[in-house]
């Protein structure tokens, strides 16, 4: 997959690869998707769960010391002060309706601060 390194380019390559694969996966589910209701009354779909599982798996493989915090339950403790925050389908209501106003969101937090990377 991706080598384990702290280079900005490697992080961006992994991040963009995970987001693209998640988007492709979500689009495959979309035509006949059915939403369930979570305890907070927000919708969740099988696509949300599968996308999060795939994103978390890719990030954990590429950066095994990093933590994971996913909206749908993915969790891993950080061993290096970095944590990936995942909302696999932000805008699930629009996603379920077939509107294009949704996205796969992935953020990187380092020592409690969300960081950005330029490529």
C-alpha atoms as a PDB file:
ATOM      1  CA  UNK A   1       0.000   0.000   0.000  1.00  0.00           C
ATOM      2  CA  UNK A   2       1.777   3.164   1.242  1.00  0.00           C
ATOM      3  CA  UNK A   3       5.093   3.324   3.079  1.00  0.00           C
ATOM      4  CA  UNK A   4       5.050   4.429   6.691  1.00  0.00           C
ATOM      5  CA  UNK A   5       6.644   7.872   6.728  1.00  0.00           C
ATOM      6  CA  UNK A   6       5.870  11.347   7.966  1.00  0.00           C
ATOM      7  CA  UNK A   7       6.372  13.062   4.605  1.00  0.00           C
ATOM      8  CA  UNK A   8       3.562  15.406   3.626  1.00  0.00           C
ATOM      9  CA  UNK A   9       3.380  13.887   0.150  1.00  0.00           C
ATOM     10  CA  UNK A  10       2.988  10.354   1.505  1.00  0.00           C
ATOM     11  CA  UNK A  11       0.269  11.489   3.892  1.00  0.00           C
ATOM     12  CA  UNK A  12      -1.577  13.271   1.078  1.00  0.00           C
ATOM     13  CA  UNK A  13      -1.225  10.285  -1.273  1.00  0.00           C
ATOM     14  CA  UNK A  14      -2.719   7.983   1.349  1.00  0.00           C
ATOM     15  CA  UNK A  15      -5.433  10.443   2.271  1.00  0.00           C
ATOM     16  CA  UNK A  16      -6.484  11.070  -1.327  1.00  0.00           C
ATOM     17  CA  UNK A  17      -6.366   7.358  -2.155  1.00  0.00           C
ATOM     18  CA  UNK A  18      -8.616   6.524   0.791  1.00  0.00           C
ATOM     19  CA  UNK A  19     -11.073   9.319  -0.041  1.00  0.00           C
ATOM     20  CA  UNK A  20     -11.280   8.286  -3.715  1.00  0.00           C
ATOM     21  CA  UNK A  21     -11.886   4.634  -2.872  1.00  0.00           C
ATOM     22  CA  UNK A  22     -14.521   5.602  -0.302  1.00  0.00           C
ATOM     23  CA  UNK A  23     -16.292   7.845  -2.820  1.00  0.00           C
ATOM     24  CA  UNK A  24     -16.312   5.061  -5.417  1.00  0.00           C
ATOM     25  CA  UNK A  25     -17.672   2.623  -2.846  1.00  0.00           C
ATOM     26  CA  UNK A  26     -20.381   5.038  -1.692  1.00  0.00           C
ATOM     27  CA  UNK A  27     -21.506   5.676  -5.273  1.00  0.00           C
ATOM     28  CA  UNK A  28     -21.908   1.942  -5.849  1.00  0.00           C
ATOM     29  CA  UNK A  29     -24.275   1.715  -2.865  1.00  0.00           C
ATOM     30  CA  UNK A  30     -26.232   4.876  -3.641  1.00  0.00           C
ATOM     31  CA  UNK A  31     -28.923   3.842  -6.128  1.00  0.00           C
ATOM     32  CA  UNK A  32     -30.795   1.589  -3.678  1.00  0.00           C
ATOM     33  CA  UNK A  33     -29.528   2.798  -0.320  1.00  0.00           C
ATOM     34  CA  UNK A  34     -31.717   2.584   2.768  1.00  0.00           C
ATOM     35  CA  UNK A  35     -30.955   4.621   5.877  1.00  0.00           C
ATOM     36  CA  UNK A  36     -31.339   3.574   9.474  1.00  0.00           C
ATOM     37  CA  UNK A  37     -31.680   6.026  12.353  1.00  0.00           C
ATOM     38  CA  UNK A  38     -28.949   6.294  14.990  1.00  0.00           C
ATOM     39  CA  UNK A  39     -29.640   7.089  18.648  1.00  0.00           C
ATOM     40  CA  UNK A  40     -29.096  10.811  17.945  1.00  0.00           C
ATOM     41  CA  UNK A  41     -31.772  10.671  15.191  1.00  0.00           C
ATOM     42  CA  UNK A  42     -29.208  11.111  12.416  1.00  0.00           C
ATOM     43  CA  UNK A  43     -29.222   8.720   9.461  1.00  0.00           C
ATOM     44  CA  UNK A  44     -26.623   6.021   8.867  1.00  0.00           C
ATOM     45  CA  UNK A  45     -26.299   3.590   5.982  1.00  0.00           C
ATOM     46  CA  UNK A  46     -24.384   0.448   5.172  1.00  0.00           C
ATOM     47  CA  UNK A  47     -22.274   2.662   2.895  1.00  0.00           C
ATOM     48  CA  UNK A  48     -21.280   4.825   5.897  1.00  0.00           C
ATOM     49  CA  UNK A  49     -20.124   1.756   7.795  1.00  0.00           C
ATOM     50  CA  UNK A  50     -18.300   0.126   4.889  1.00  0.00           C
ATOM     51  CA  UNK A  51     -16.592   3.353   3.813  1.00  0.00           C
ATOM     52  CA  UNK A  52     -15.395   3.990   7.356  1.00  0.00           C
ATOM     53  CA  UNK A  53     -14.109   0.432   7.667  1.00  0.00           C
ATOM     54  CA  UNK A  54     -12.179   0.759   4.405  1.00  0.00           C
ATOM     55  CA  UNK A  55     -10.740   4.211   5.203  1.00  0.00           C
ATOM     56  CA  UNK A  56      -9.710   3.150   8.714  1.00  0.00           C
ATOM     57  CA  UNK A  57      -8.103  -0.006   7.345  1.00  0.00           C
ATOM     58  CA  UNK A  58      -6.065   1.881   4.756  1.00  0.00           C
ATOM     59  CA  UNK A  59      -4.900   4.486   7.268  1.00  0.00           C
ATOM     60  CA  UNK A  60      -4.078   1.892   9.941  1.00  0.00           C
ATOM     61  CA  UNK A  61      -2.059  -0.103   7.429  1.00  0.00           C
ATOM     62  CA  UNK A  62      -0.133   2.929   6.198  1.00  0.00           C
ATOM     63  CA  UNK A  63       0.341   4.544   9.618  1.00  0.00           C
ATOM     64  CA  UNK A  64       0.073   1.829  12.280  1.00  0.00           C
ATOM     65  CA  UNK A  65       1.076   4.101  15.174  1.00  0.00           C
ATOM     66  CA  UNK A  66      -1.647   6.663  14.408  1.00  0.00           C
ATOM     67  CA  UNK A  67      -4.996   6.654  16.198  1.00  0.00           C
ATOM     68  CA  UNK A  68      -8.412   6.502  14.551  1.00  0.00           C
ATOM     69  CA  UNK A  69     -11.691   8.164  15.541  1.00  0.00           C
ATOM     70  CA  UNK A  70     -14.605   7.376  13.231  1.00  0.00           C
ATOM     71  CA  UNK A  71     -18.145   8.679  13.399  1.00  0.00           C
ATOM     72  CA  UNK A  72     -19.531   5.173  12.947  1.00  0.00           C
ATOM     73  CA  UNK A  73     -17.415   3.611  15.682  1.00  0.00           C
ATOM     74  CA  UNK A  74     -13.912   2.959  14.334  1.00  0.00           C
ATOM     75  CA  UNK A  75     -11.439   3.456  17.179  1.00  0.00           C
ATOM     76  CA  UNK A  76      -7.720   2.961  17.687  1.00  0.00           C
ATOM     77  CA  UNK A  77      -5.467   4.564  20.269  1.00  0.00           C
ATOM     78  CA  UNK A  78      -2.581   6.692  19.041  1.00  0.00           C
ATOM     79  CA  UNK A  79       0.954   5.682  19.936  1.00  0.00           C
ATOM     80  CA  UNK A  80       2.553   8.808  18.457  1.00  0.00           C
ATOM     81  CA  UNK A  81       0.209  11.757  19.110  1.00  0.00           C
ATOM     82  CA  UNK A  82      -1.469  11.595  15.679  1.00  0.00           C
ATOM     83  CA  UNK A  83      -5.094  10.609  15.079  1.00  0.00           C
ATOM     84  CA  UNK A  84      -7.208  10.370  11.952  1.00  0.00           C
ATOM     85  CA  UNK A  85     -10.788  11.626  12.301  1.00  0.00           C
ATOM     86  CA  UNK A  86     -13.232  10.097   9.820  1.00  0.00           C
ATOM     87  CA  UNK A  87     -16.752  11.033   8.776  1.00  0.00           C
ATOM     88  CA  UNK A  88     -17.216   8.485   5.993  1.00  0.00           C
ATOM     89  CA  UNK A  89     -20.207  10.227   4.404  1.00  0.00           C
ATOM     90  CA  UNK A  90     -20.729  13.768   5.601  1.00  0.00           C
ATOM     91  CA  UNK A  91     -24.192  14.739   4.414  1.00  0.00           C
ATOM     92  CA  UNK A  92     -25.837  11.317   4.696  1.00  0.00           C
ATOM     93  CA  UNK A  93     -29.330  12.813   4.300  1.00  0.00           C
ATOM     94  CA  UNK A  94     -28.355  14.273   0.923  1.00  0.00           C
ATOM     95  CA  UNK A  95     -26.525  11.075  -0.004  1.00  0.00           C
ATOM     96  CA  UNK A  96     -29.676   9.009   0.676  1.00  0.00           C
ATOM     97  CA  UNK A  97     -31.772  11.428  -1.388  1.00  0.00           C
ATOM     98  CA  UNK A  98     -29.362  11.122  -4.309  1.00  0.00           C
ATOM     99  CA  UNK A  99     -28.198  14.734  -4.026  1.00  0.00           C
ATOM    100  CA  UNK A 100     -24.511  15.429  -4.738  1.00  0.00           C
ATOM    101  CA  UNK A 101     -24.070  17.476  -1.535  1.00  0.00           C
ATOM    102  CA  UNK A 102     -22.058  14.930   0.472  1.00  0.00           C
ATOM    103  CA  UNK A 103     -18.376  14.126   0.898  1.00  0.00           C
ATOM    104  CA  UNK A 104     -15.946  11.724   2.550  1.00  0.00           C
ATOM    105  CA  UNK A 105     -14.226  13.710   5.302  1.00  0.00           C
ATOM    106  CA  UNK A 106     -10.861  12.727   6.743  1.00  0.00           C
ATOM    107  CA  UNK A 107      -8.833  14.945   9.068  1.00  0.00           C
ATOM    108  CA  UNK A 108      -5.449  14.477  10.692  1.00  0.00           C
ATOM    109  CA  UNK A 109      -5.007  15.621  14.272  1.00  0.00           C
ATOM    110  CA  UNK A 110      -1.528  15.990  15.751  1.00  0.00           C
ATOM    111  CA  UNK A 111      -1.178  16.468  19.500  1.00  0.00           C
ATOM    112  CA  UNK A 112      -4.768  17.720  19.716  1.00  0.00           C
ATOM    113  CA  UNK A 113      -4.647  20.130  16.747  1.00  0.00           C
ATOM    114  CA  UNK A 114      -6.117  19.445  13.316  1.00  0.00           C
ATOM    115  CA  UNK A 115      -3.347  19.990  10.795  1.00  0.00           C
ATOM    116  CA  UNK A 116      -3.286  20.807   7.091  1.00  0.00           C
ATOM    117  CA  UNK A 117      -0.868  19.781   4.417  1.00  0.00           C
ATOM    118  CA  UNK A 118      -0.060  21.532   1.156  1.00  0.00           C
ATOM    119  CA  UNK A 119       0.889  19.616  -1.961  1.00  0.00           C
END
